[in-house]
Amino acid sequence: MLSREFDNDNDNTELKKLRQDNAEIRENLRTIEQQRLANNLIIGGIPYYNEPQRGDTASPPNTQEHFSDTRKAVNRFFTEVLQIPEDDAKNIRIEITKRIGAEKNNKPKNVLLTFQSLNDKEKVISCRDRLKGRDEYMHDQFPKDVVERRRKLIPVMLAARKDGQNAYLRYDKLIVNGSHYTNGKYGKAQ
């Protein structure tokens, strides 16, 4: 058996360097994932293309929707719900349109859209206010770690709002009255 002399100072220095490198690699991966998801938008509540519309009494929907039907359902959502003019809706360039997740409470699966440009995504997001009082919703797609941090911040945000504060989430940070909130009156944000 070979013996090795340990140099604690050198080993500690190497360990610190490895930890620092690991942290940098993790941060780089997080940045890459953020950039990859930047053009993605998740929209919930879009009925299946062959599903009866409000007031219709046709047969129940086929949840095995073909991807071209999903795109048609999205176009219908753009024009009828978001009130984007039909010509503008047809010019919104989308790379990927697919249903994701599981059906919950007999509601259709969410739709994941990957836009070719942020400008096209912004055209859709700018119509978000037309969803007030409706069952449909839309939000950015975030990396898993960000989703978990946001999930933990929601009760704190709601407590601040209940107290009359202007509170919202920006990526994975809680903003209360224009300032980054960490810990305080409404609970822990970290």
N, C-alpha and C. Protein backbone atom coordinates (compact mmCIF):
# COMPACT_ATOMS: atom_id res chain seq x y z
N MET A 1 0.84 -1.18 0.00
CA MET A 1 0.00 0.00 0.00
C MET A 1 0.88 1.24 0.00
N LEU A 2 0.56 2.15 -0.89
CA LEU A 2 1.33 3.38 -0.98
C LEU A 2 0.85 4.36 0.08
N SER A 3 1.77 5.04 0.64
CA SER A 3 1.38 6.05 1.62
C SER A 3 1.53 7.42 0.99
N ARG A 4 0.74 8.30 1.44
CA ARG A 4 0.78 9.66 0.91
C ARG A 4 0.80 10.62 2.07
N GLU A 5 1.67 11.55 1.97
CA GLU A 5 1.71 12.57 3.00
C GLU A 5 0.70 13.65 2.65
N PHE A 6 0.00 14.09 3.64
CA PHE A 6 -1.02 15.10 3.39
C PHE A 6 -0.48 16.48 3.72
N ASP A 7 -0.77 17.38 2.84
CA ASP A 7 -0.44 18.77 3.05
C ASP A 7 -1.76 19.49 3.24
N ASN A 8 -2.15 19.64 4.50
CA ASN A 8 -3.47 20.19 4.81
C ASN A 8 -3.69 21.56 4.18
N ASP A 9 -2.68 22.41 4.21
CA ASP A 9 -2.86 23.74 3.62
C ASP A 9 -3.12 23.63 2.12
N ASN A 10 -2.36 22.80 1.42
CA ASN A 10 -2.54 22.64 -0.03
C ASN A 10 -3.88 21.98 -0.34
N ASP A 11 -4.23 20.95 0.46
CA ASP A 11 -5.51 20.27 0.24
C ASP A 11 -6.68 21.22 0.46
N ASN A 12 -6.62 22.05 1.51
CA ASN A 12 -7.69 23.02 1.77
C ASN A 12 -7.79 24.06 0.66
N THR A 13 -6.64 24.49 0.16
CA THR A 13 -6.63 25.45 -0.94
C THR A 13 -7.26 24.84 -2.19
N GLU A 14 -6.91 23.60 -2.49
CA GLU A 14 -7.47 22.91 -3.64
C GLU A 14 -8.98 22.70 -3.48
N LEU A 15 -9.40 22.34 -2.27
CA LEU A 15 -10.82 22.14 -2.00
C LEU A 15 -11.59 23.45 -2.17
N LYS A 16 -11.04 24.54 -1.67
CA LYS A 16 -11.69 25.85 -1.84
C LYS A 16 -11.79 26.21 -3.32
N LYS A 17 -10.73 25.94 -4.07
CA LYS A 17 -10.72 26.22 -5.51
C LYS A 17 -11.79 25.38 -6.22
N LEU A 18 -11.88 24.10 -5.87
CA LEU A 18 -12.89 23.23 -6.47
C LEU A 18 -14.30 23.71 -6.15
N ARG A 19 -14.53 24.13 -4.93
CA ARG A 19 -15.85 24.65 -4.55
C ARG A 19 -16.19 25.92 -5.30
N GLN A 20 -15.19 26.79 -5.46
CA GLN A 20 -15.39 28.03 -6.20
C GLN A 20 -15.70 27.71 -7.67
N ASP A 21 -14.93 26.80 -8.27
CA ASP A 21 -15.18 26.39 -9.66
C ASP A 21 -16.58 25.79 -9.81
N ASN A 22 -16.96 24.95 -8.85
CA ASN A 22 -18.29 24.33 -8.88
C ASN A 22 -19.38 25.40 -8.84
N ALA A 23 -19.23 26.39 -7.97
CA ALA A 23 -20.22 27.46 -7.87
C ALA A 23 -20.30 28.25 -9.18
N GLU A 24 -19.16 28.51 -9.81
CA GLU A 24 -19.15 29.23 -11.08
C GLU A 24 -19.82 28.42 -12.18
N ILE A 25 -19.56 27.12 -12.22
CA ILE A 25 -20.18 26.26 -13.22
C ILE A 25 -21.69 26.22 -13.02
N ARG A 26 -22.15 26.11 -11.78
CA ARG A 26 -23.58 26.10 -11.49
C ARG A 26 -24.23 27.42 -11.93
N GLU A 27 -23.56 28.53 -11.67
CA GLU A 27 -24.10 29.83 -12.07
C GLU A 27 -24.15 29.95 -13.60
N ASN A 28 -23.13 29.46 -14.28
CA ASN A 28 -23.13 29.48 -15.75
C ASN A 28 -24.26 28.62 -16.30
N LEU A 29 -24.47 27.45 -15.72
CA LEU A 29 -25.58 26.59 -16.16
C LEU A 29 -26.92 27.26 -15.92
N ARG A 30 -27.07 27.93 -14.79
CA ARG A 30 -28.31 28.63 -14.48
C ARG A 30 -28.56 29.74 -15.52
N THR A 31 -27.51 30.46 -15.88
CA THR A 31 -27.63 31.51 -16.88
C THR A 31 -28.02 30.94 -18.24
N ILE A 32 -27.40 29.83 -18.63
CA ILE A 32 -27.72 29.19 -19.90
C ILE A 32 -29.17 28.73 -19.90
N GLU A 33 -29.63 28.15 -18.80
CA GLU A 33 -31.02 27.70 -18.73
C GLU A 33 -31.99 28.87 -18.79
N GLN A 34 -31.66 29.98 -18.15
CA GLN A 34 -32.50 31.17 -18.21
C GLN A 34 -32.62 31.66 -19.66
N GLN A 35 -31.50 31.68 -20.36
CA GLN A 35 -31.52 32.14 -21.75
C GLN A 35 -32.32 31.18 -22.63
N ARG A 36 -32.19 29.89 -22.36
CA ARG A 36 -32.91 28.89 -23.15
C ARG A 36 -34.42 29.03 -22.96
N LEU A 37 -34.84 29.38 -21.77
CA LEU A 37 -36.27 29.48 -21.48
C LEU A 37 -36.85 30.88 -21.71
N ALA A 38 -36.02 31.84 -22.08
CA ALA A 38 -36.46 33.23 -22.21
C ALA A 38 -37.59 33.39 -23.23
N ASN A 39 -37.59 32.61 -24.29
CA ASN A 39 -38.61 32.74 -25.33
C ASN A 39 -39.83 31.87 -25.07
N ASN A 40 -39.88 31.20 -23.93
CA ASN A 40 -40.99 30.29 -23.62
C ASN A 40 -42.09 30.99 -22.83
N LEU A 41 -43.31 30.58 -23.11
CA LEU A 41 -44.47 31.08 -22.40
C LEU A 41 -45.42 29.91 -22.17
N ILE A 42 -45.96 29.81 -20.98
CA ILE A 42 -46.93 28.76 -20.66
C ILE A 42 -48.30 29.43 -20.55
N ILE A 43 -49.26 28.86 -21.28
CA ILE A 43 -50.63 29.39 -21.23
C ILE A 43 -51.54 28.28 -20.75
N GLY A 44 -52.31 28.58 -19.74
CA GLY A 44 -53.25 27.60 -19.20
C GLY A 44 -54.68 27.98 -19.52
N GLY A 45 -55.51 26.96 -19.66
CA GLY A 45 -56.94 27.19 -19.86
C GLY A 45 -57.37 27.24 -21.31
N ILE A 46 -56.45 27.04 -22.25
CA ILE A 46 -56.85 27.03 -23.66
C ILE A 46 -57.57 25.72 -23.94
N PRO A 47 -58.83 25.80 -24.36
CA PRO A 47 -59.55 24.55 -24.65
C PRO A 47 -58.90 23.79 -25.80
N TYR A 48 -59.11 22.49 -25.82
CA TYR A 48 -58.65 21.69 -26.95
C TYR A 48 -59.36 22.20 -28.20
N TYR A 49 -58.71 22.07 -29.33
CA TYR A 49 -59.25 22.62 -30.57
C TYR A 49 -60.63 22.07 -30.89
N ASN A 50 -60.82 20.78 -30.62
CA ASN A 50 -62.12 20.17 -30.93
C ASN A 50 -63.08 20.20 -29.76
N GLU A 51 -62.73 20.95 -28.72
CA GLU A 51 -63.60 21.08 -27.54
C GLU A 51 -64.66 22.14 -27.81
N PRO A 52 -65.87 21.91 -27.33
CA PRO A 52 -66.91 22.92 -27.52
C PRO A 52 -66.49 24.25 -26.90
N GLN A 53 -66.79 25.34 -27.57
CA GLN A 53 -66.50 26.67 -27.05
C GLN A 53 -67.61 27.07 -26.08
N ARG A 54 -67.44 28.17 -25.43
CA ARG A 54 -68.43 28.65 -24.47
C ARG A 54 -69.81 28.69 -25.12
N GLY A 55 -70.77 28.05 -24.51
CA GLY A 55 -72.13 28.05 -25.01
C GLY A 55 -72.45 26.92 -25.97
N ASP A 56 -71.41 26.26 -26.52
CA ASP A 56 -71.65 25.13 -27.43
C ASP A 56 -72.01 23.89 -26.62
N THR A 57 -72.74 22.98 -27.24
CA THR A 57 -73.11 21.73 -26.56
C THR A 57 -72.74 20.55 -27.44
N ALA A 58 -71.51 20.53 -27.89
CA ALA A 58 -71.03 19.42 -28.74
C ALA A 58 -70.49 18.30 -27.86
N SER A 59 -69.91 17.30 -28.51
CA SER A 59 -69.38 16.14 -27.78
C SER A 59 -68.17 16.53 -26.94
N PRO A 60 -67.79 15.69 -25.95
CA PRO A 60 -66.66 16.01 -25.10
C PRO A 60 -65.36 16.06 -25.90
N PRO A 61 -64.34 16.77 -25.37
CA PRO A 61 -63.11 16.96 -26.12
C PRO A 61 -62.28 15.69 -26.24
N ASN A 62 -61.48 15.64 -27.29
CA ASN A 62 -60.49 14.57 -27.46
C ASN A 62 -59.19 15.10 -26.90
N THR A 63 -58.73 14.55 -25.79
CA THR A 63 -57.53 15.06 -25.14
C THR A 63 -56.25 14.61 -25.84
N GLN A 64 -56.35 13.79 -26.88
CA GLN A 64 -55.19 13.39 -27.67
C GLN A 64 -55.08 14.29 -28.89
N GLU A 65 -55.00 15.57 -28.64
CA GLU A 65 -54.98 16.58 -29.69
C GLU A 65 -53.69 16.49 -30.50
N HIS A 66 -53.78 16.57 -31.81
CA HIS A 66 -52.63 16.58 -32.70
C HIS A 66 -51.95 17.94 -32.58
N PHE A 67 -50.63 17.99 -32.79
CA PHE A 67 -49.92 19.26 -32.59
C PHE A 67 -50.43 20.37 -33.49
N SER A 68 -50.89 20.04 -34.70
CA SER A 68 -51.43 21.09 -35.58
C SER A 68 -52.74 21.63 -35.00
N ASP A 69 -53.51 20.79 -34.34
CA ASP A 69 -54.74 21.26 -33.68
C ASP A 69 -54.40 22.13 -32.48
N THR A 70 -53.32 21.81 -31.79
CA THR A 70 -52.90 22.65 -30.66
C THR A 70 -52.56 24.04 -31.17
N ARG A 71 -51.87 24.11 -32.28
CA ARG A 71 -51.52 25.41 -32.87
C ARG A 71 -52.80 26.16 -33.27
N LYS A 72 -53.78 25.45 -33.81
CA LYS A 72 -55.06 26.09 -34.18
C LYS A 72 -55.77 26.62 -32.93
N ALA A 73 -55.71 25.84 -31.84
CA ALA A 73 -56.34 26.27 -30.59
C ALA A 73 -55.65 27.53 -30.07
N VAL A 74 -54.33 27.60 -30.21
CA VAL A 74 -53.57 28.78 -29.78
C VAL A 74 -53.95 29.98 -30.65
N ASN A 75 -54.03 29.79 -31.95
CA ASN A 75 -54.43 30.89 -32.84
C ASN A 75 -55.82 31.41 -32.49
N ARG A 76 -56.74 30.49 -32.21
CA ARG A 76 -58.10 30.89 -31.82
C ARG A 76 -58.04 31.69 -30.51
N PHE A 77 -57.21 31.23 -29.57
CA PHE A 77 -57.03 31.95 -28.30
C PHE A 77 -56.49 33.36 -28.56
N PHE A 78 -55.49 33.48 -29.43
CA PHE A 78 -54.92 34.79 -29.74
C PHE A 78 -55.98 35.74 -30.28
N THR A 79 -56.79 35.26 -31.22
CA THR A 79 -57.74 36.15 -31.88
C THR A 79 -59.00 36.39 -31.05
N GLU A 80 -59.55 35.34 -30.44
CA GLU A 80 -60.82 35.48 -29.74
C GLU A 80 -60.68 36.00 -28.31
N VAL A 81 -59.68 35.53 -27.61
CA VAL A 81 -59.54 35.91 -26.20
C VAL A 81 -58.63 37.12 -26.04
N LEU A 82 -57.43 37.04 -26.65
CA LEU A 82 -56.48 38.16 -26.52
C LEU A 82 -56.80 39.29 -27.49
N GLN A 83 -57.71 39.05 -28.42
CA GLN A 83 -58.15 40.04 -29.39
C GLN A 83 -57.01 40.60 -30.24
N ILE A 84 -56.09 39.73 -30.58
CA ILE A 84 -55.02 40.10 -31.51
C ILE A 84 -55.61 39.96 -32.91
N PRO A 85 -55.47 40.97 -33.76
CA PRO A 85 -56.02 40.85 -35.11
C PRO A 85 -55.49 39.59 -35.81
N GLU A 86 -56.36 38.96 -36.60
CA GLU A 86 -56.04 37.67 -37.21
C GLU A 86 -54.75 37.71 -38.03
N ASP A 87 -54.54 38.76 -38.80
CA ASP A 87 -53.31 38.87 -39.60
C ASP A 87 -52.08 38.94 -38.70
N ASP A 88 -52.17 39.67 -37.59
CA ASP A 88 -51.06 39.77 -36.65
C ASP A 88 -50.81 38.42 -35.97
N ALA A 89 -51.90 37.74 -35.61
CA ALA A 89 -51.77 36.43 -34.94
C ALA A 89 -51.08 35.42 -35.85
N LYS A 90 -51.40 35.45 -37.13
CA LYS A 90 -50.77 34.52 -38.07
C LYS A 90 -49.29 34.81 -38.25
N ASN A 91 -48.87 36.05 -38.02
CA ASN A 91 -47.47 36.43 -38.19
C ASN A 91 -46.62 36.22 -36.95
N ILE A 92 -47.24 35.77 -35.86
CA ILE A 92 -46.46 35.47 -34.65
C ILE A 92 -45.76 34.14 -34.89
N ARG A 93 -44.43 34.19 -34.88
CA ARG A 93 -43.63 33.01 -35.22
C ARG A 93 -43.37 32.19 -33.95
N ILE A 94 -43.86 30.97 -33.98
CA ILE A 94 -43.72 30.06 -32.84
C ILE A 94 -42.98 28.82 -33.32
N GLU A 95 -41.90 28.49 -32.62
CA GLU A 95 -41.11 27.29 -32.98
C GLU A 95 -41.76 26.02 -32.47
N ILE A 96 -42.21 26.06 -31.21
CA ILE A 96 -42.76 24.86 -30.58
C ILE A 96 -44.11 25.21 -29.96
N THR A 97 -45.09 24.37 -30.21
CA THR A 97 -46.40 24.47 -29.59
C THR A 97 -46.75 23.08 -29.11
N LYS A 98 -46.88 22.90 -27.80
CA LYS A 98 -47.25 21.57 -27.32
C LYS A 98 -47.95 21.65 -25.98
N ARG A 99 -48.79 20.66 -25.75
CA ARG A 99 -49.46 20.53 -24.46
C ARG A 99 -48.48 19.87 -23.50
N ILE A 100 -48.46 20.37 -22.27
CA ILE A 100 -47.55 19.80 -21.26
C ILE A 100 -48.30 19.57 -19.96
N GLY A 101 -47.70 18.77 -19.10
CA GLY A 101 -48.27 18.52 -17.79
C GLY A 101 -49.44 17.57 -17.84
N ALA A 102 -50.19 17.59 -16.78
CA ALA A 102 -51.33 16.68 -16.64
C ALA A 102 -52.62 17.49 -16.56
N GLU A 103 -53.69 16.86 -16.96
CA GLU A 103 -55.00 17.49 -16.80
C GLU A 103 -55.35 17.50 -15.32
N LYS A 104 -55.90 18.60 -14.87
CA LYS A 104 -56.33 18.73 -13.48
C LYS A 104 -57.76 19.22 -13.46
N ASN A 105 -58.59 18.56 -12.69
CA ASN A 105 -59.99 18.97 -12.54
C ASN A 105 -60.70 19.13 -13.89
N ASN A 106 -60.46 18.18 -14.80
CA ASN A 106 -61.08 18.19 -16.13
C ASN A 106 -60.78 19.45 -16.92
N LYS A 107 -59.66 20.11 -16.62
CA LYS A 107 -59.24 21.28 -17.40
C LYS A 107 -58.16 20.82 -18.37
N PRO A 108 -58.07 21.46 -19.52
CA PRO A 108 -57.08 21.03 -20.51
C PRO A 108 -55.65 21.24 -20.01
N LYS A 109 -54.74 20.46 -20.58
CA LYS A 109 -53.32 20.62 -20.26
C LYS A 109 -52.87 22.01 -20.67
N ASN A 110 -51.84 22.51 -19.99
CA ASN A 110 -51.26 23.79 -20.35
C ASN A 110 -50.60 23.68 -21.72
N VAL A 111 -50.40 24.81 -22.37
CA VAL A 111 -49.72 24.86 -23.65
C VAL A 111 -48.39 25.58 -23.45
N LEU A 112 -47.32 24.95 -23.94
CA LEU A 112 -46.00 25.56 -23.92
C LEU A 112 -45.74 26.13 -25.31
N LEU A 113 -45.42 27.41 -25.37
CA LEU A 113 -45.07 28.05 -26.62
C LEU A 113 -43.61 28.50 -26.55
N THR A 114 -42.86 28.19 -27.60
CA THR A 114 -41.51 28.70 -27.73
C THR A 114 -41.50 29.62 -28.94
N PHE A 115 -41.35 30.91 -28.69
CA PHE A 115 -41.38 31.91 -29.75
C PHE A 115 -40.03 32.01 -30.42
N GLN A 116 -40.03 32.39 -31.69
CA GLN A 116 -38.77 32.58 -32.41
C GLN A 116 -38.08 33.86 -31.98
N SER A 117 -38.85 34.82 -31.48
CA SER A 117 -38.23 36.07 -31.03
C SER A 117 -38.94 36.58 -29.78
N LEU A 118 -38.22 37.35 -29.01
CA LEU A 118 -38.82 37.96 -27.82
C LEU A 118 -39.88 38.99 -28.21
N ASN A 119 -39.74 39.60 -29.37
CA ASN A 119 -40.75 40.57 -29.83
C ASN A 119 -42.10 39.90 -30.00
N ASP A 120 -42.11 38.69 -30.58
CA ASP A 120 -43.37 37.97 -30.74
C ASP A 120 -43.97 37.60 -29.39
N LYS A 121 -43.11 37.19 -28.48
CA LYS A 121 -43.59 36.86 -27.13
C LYS A 121 -44.18 38.10 -26.46
N GLU A 122 -43.52 39.22 -26.62
CA GLU A 122 -44.00 40.47 -26.02
C GLU A 122 -45.35 40.90 -26.59
N LYS A 123 -45.59 40.63 -27.89
CA LYS A 123 -46.89 40.95 -28.48
C LYS A 123 -48.01 40.22 -27.75
N VAL A 124 -47.74 38.96 -27.40
CA VAL A 124 -48.75 38.15 -26.71
C VAL A 124 -48.88 38.61 -25.26
N ILE A 125 -47.76 38.80 -24.59
CA ILE A 125 -47.79 39.20 -23.17
C ILE A 125 -48.46 40.56 -23.00
N SER A 126 -48.31 41.44 -23.98
CA SER A 126 -48.90 42.78 -23.86
C SER A 126 -50.43 42.73 -23.80
N CYS A 127 -51.01 41.61 -24.18
CA CYS A 127 -52.48 41.45 -24.14
C CYS A 127 -52.96 40.74 -22.87
N ARG A 128 -52.07 40.52 -21.94
CA ARG A 128 -52.38 39.77 -20.72
C ARG A 128 -53.55 40.36 -19.94
N ASP A 129 -53.69 41.66 -19.96
CA ASP A 129 -54.77 42.30 -19.19
C ASP A 129 -56.15 41.86 -19.66
N ARG A 130 -56.26 41.32 -20.86
CA ARG A 130 -57.55 40.85 -21.37
C ARG A 130 -57.97 39.52 -20.74
N LEU A 131 -57.12 38.95 -19.90
CA LEU A 131 -57.44 37.68 -19.24
C LEU A 131 -58.09 37.89 -17.88
N LYS A 132 -58.18 39.15 -17.43
CA LYS A 132 -58.79 39.41 -16.12
C LYS A 132 -60.21 38.92 -16.10
N GLY A 133 -60.55 38.16 -15.06
CA GLY A 133 -61.89 37.63 -14.90
C GLY A 133 -62.16 36.38 -15.73
N ARG A 134 -61.14 35.83 -16.35
CA ARG A 134 -61.28 34.63 -17.18
C ARG A 134 -60.52 33.47 -16.54
N ASP A 135 -60.74 32.27 -17.06
CA ASP A 135 -60.06 31.08 -16.54
C ASP A 135 -58.66 30.89 -17.13
N GLU A 136 -58.38 31.54 -18.26
CA GLU A 136 -57.07 31.38 -18.89
C GLU A 136 -56.03 32.23 -18.16
N TYR A 137 -54.78 31.82 -18.26
CA TYR A 137 -53.67 32.57 -17.65
C TYR A 137 -52.41 32.31 -18.47
N MET A 138 -51.40 33.14 -18.27
CA MET A 138 -50.12 32.91 -18.93
C MET A 138 -48.99 33.36 -18.01
N HIS A 139 -47.87 32.67 -18.13
CA HIS A 139 -46.69 33.03 -17.36
C HIS A 139 -45.44 32.50 -18.05
N ASP A 140 -44.31 33.11 -17.71
CA ASP A 140 -43.03 32.65 -18.24
C ASP A 140 -42.72 31.26 -17.72
N GLN A 141 -41.88 30.55 -18.46
CA GLN A 141 -41.40 29.27 -17.98
C GLN A 141 -40.07 29.54 -17.27
N PHE A 142 -39.92 29.02 -16.06
CA PHE A 142 -38.73 29.23 -15.26
C PHE A 142 -38.02 27.90 -15.00
N PRO A 143 -36.71 27.96 -14.71
CA PRO A 143 -36.00 26.74 -14.28
C PRO A 143 -36.59 26.23 -12.96
N LYS A 144 -36.41 24.94 -12.71
CA LYS A 144 -37.01 24.31 -11.51
C LYS A 144 -36.63 25.02 -10.22
N ASP A 145 -35.36 25.38 -10.05
CA ASP A 145 -34.95 26.02 -8.80
C ASP A 145 -35.64 27.37 -8.62
N VAL A 146 -35.87 28.08 -9.68
CA VAL A 146 -36.57 29.36 -9.61
C VAL A 146 -38.04 29.14 -9.25
N VAL A 147 -38.65 28.13 -9.84
CA VAL A 147 -40.05 27.80 -9.53
C VAL A 147 -40.20 27.52 -8.03
N GLU A 148 -39.25 26.76 -7.48
CA GLU A 148 -39.30 26.45 -6.05
C GLU A 148 -39.16 27.70 -5.19
N ARG A 149 -38.24 28.60 -5.54
CA ARG A 149 -38.07 29.84 -4.78
C ARG A 149 -39.33 30.70 -4.90
N ARG A 150 -39.91 30.79 -6.09
CA ARG A 150 -41.13 31.57 -6.28
C ARG A 150 -42.27 30.99 -5.45
N ARG A 151 -42.37 29.67 -5.43
CA ARG A 151 -43.43 29.00 -4.67
C ARG A 151 -43.33 29.37 -3.18
N LYS A 152 -42.12 29.47 -2.66
CA LYS A 152 -41.93 29.83 -1.26
C LYS A 152 -42.24 31.30 -0.99
N LEU A 153 -42.07 32.14 -2.01
CA LEU A 153 -42.30 33.57 -1.85
C LEU A 153 -43.76 33.97 -1.95
N ILE A 154 -44.57 33.15 -2.58
CA ILE A 154 -45.98 33.51 -2.81
C ILE A 154 -46.74 33.81 -1.52
N PRO A 155 -46.63 32.98 -0.46
CA PRO A 155 -47.36 33.33 0.77
C PRO A 155 -46.90 34.66 1.37
N VAL A 156 -45.62 34.97 1.27
CA VAL A 156 -45.10 36.24 1.79
C VAL A 156 -45.67 37.40 0.95
N MET A 157 -45.68 37.22 -0.36
CA MET A 157 -46.22 38.24 -1.25
C MET A 157 -47.70 38.49 -0.96
N LEU A 158 -48.46 37.41 -0.78
CA LEU A 158 -49.89 37.55 -0.52
C LEU A 158 -50.15 38.24 0.82
N ALA A 159 -49.31 37.96 1.82
CA ALA A 159 -49.45 38.62 3.12
C ALA A 159 -49.19 40.12 2.98
N ALA A 160 -48.20 40.49 2.19
CA ALA A 160 -47.90 41.91 1.97
C ALA A 160 -49.05 42.58 1.22
N ARG A 161 -49.59 41.91 0.22
CA ARG A 161 -50.71 42.48 -0.54
C ARG A 161 -51.94 42.65 0.36
N LYS A 162 -52.17 41.68 1.23
CA LYS A 162 -53.32 41.74 2.14
C LYS A 162 -53.20 42.96 3.05
N ASP A 163 -51.94 43.35 3.34
CA ASP A 163 -51.67 44.50 4.18
C ASP A 163 -51.68 45.81 3.36
N GLY A 164 -52.08 45.72 2.10
CA GLY A 164 -52.18 46.92 1.27
C GLY A 164 -50.89 47.34 0.58
N GLN A 165 -49.88 46.49 0.61
CA GLN A 165 -48.61 46.82 -0.03
C GLN A 165 -48.63 46.44 -1.51
N ASN A 166 -47.82 47.12 -2.31
CA ASN A 166 -47.64 46.78 -3.71
C ASN A 166 -46.55 45.71 -3.77
N ALA A 167 -46.93 44.45 -3.91
CA ALA A 167 -45.99 43.34 -3.87
C ALA A 167 -46.13 42.47 -5.12
N TYR A 168 -45.00 42.09 -5.69
CA TYR A 168 -45.00 41.22 -6.86
C TYR A 168 -43.67 40.47 -6.93
N LEU A 169 -43.66 39.43 -7.74
CA LEU A 169 -42.44 38.65 -7.95
C LEU A 169 -41.77 39.10 -9.23
N ARG A 170 -40.47 39.29 -9.18
CA ARG A 170 -39.66 39.55 -10.35
C ARG A 170 -38.62 38.45 -10.41
N TYR A 171 -38.85 37.53 -11.35
CA TYR A 171 -38.04 36.32 -11.50
C TYR A 171 -38.11 35.53 -10.20
N ASP A 172 -37.05 35.54 -9.36
CA ASP A 172 -37.11 34.80 -8.10
C ASP A 172 -36.91 35.72 -6.90
N LYS A 173 -37.27 36.99 -7.07
CA LYS A 173 -37.14 37.98 -6.00
C LYS A 173 -38.51 38.57 -5.71
N LEU A 174 -38.75 38.89 -4.45
CA LEU A 174 -39.98 39.54 -4.03
C LEU A 174 -39.73 41.04 -3.94
N ILE A 175 -40.56 41.81 -4.60
CA ILE A 175 -40.46 43.26 -4.57
C ILE A 175 -41.68 43.78 -3.82
N VAL A 176 -41.44 44.56 -2.76
CA VAL A 176 -42.51 45.16 -1.98
C VAL A 176 -42.28 46.67 -1.98
N ASN A 177 -43.26 47.40 -2.50
CA ASN A 177 -43.19 48.86 -2.60
C ASN A 177 -41.90 49.33 -3.28
N GLY A 178 -41.51 48.63 -4.32
CA GLY A 178 -40.35 49.03 -5.12
C GLY A 178 -39.00 48.60 -4.59
N SER A 179 -38.97 47.91 -3.45
CA SER A 179 -37.69 47.48 -2.87
C SER A 179 -37.63 45.97 -2.76
N HIS A 180 -36.42 45.44 -2.90
CA HIS A 180 -36.20 44.00 -2.74
C HIS A 180 -36.48 43.63 -1.28
N TYR A 181 -37.39 42.71 -1.08
CA TYR A 181 -37.78 42.27 0.26
C TYR A 181 -37.01 41.01 0.62
N THR A 182 -36.41 41.00 1.82
CA THR A 182 -35.71 39.79 2.27
C THR A 182 -36.48 39.16 3.43
N ASN A 183 -36.36 39.71 4.60
CA ASN A 183 -37.08 39.19 5.76
C ASN A 183 -37.70 40.35 6.52
N GLY A 184 -38.79 40.08 7.15
CA GLY A 184 -39.41 41.16 7.91
C GLY A 184 -40.82 40.84 8.31
N LYS A 185 -41.64 41.87 8.29
CA LYS A 185 -43.00 41.85 8.79
C LYS A 185 -43.86 40.74 8.19
N TYR A 186 -43.64 40.39 6.92
CA TYR A 186 -44.52 39.45 6.22
C TYR A 186 -43.97 38.02 6.19
N GLY A 187 -42.79 37.83 6.74
CA GLY A 187 -42.20 36.50 6.75
C GLY A 187 -40.85 36.47 6.08
N LYS A 188 -40.28 35.28 6.04
CA LYS A 188 -38.94 35.11 5.46
C LYS A 188 -39.05 34.96 3.94
N ALA A 189 -38.22 35.69 3.25
CA ALA A 189 -38.17 35.59 1.79
C ALA A 189 -36.91 34.87 1.34
N GLN A 190 -36.14 34.40 2.28
CA GLN A 190 -34.88 33.72 1.89
C GLN A 190 -34.78 32.37 2.54
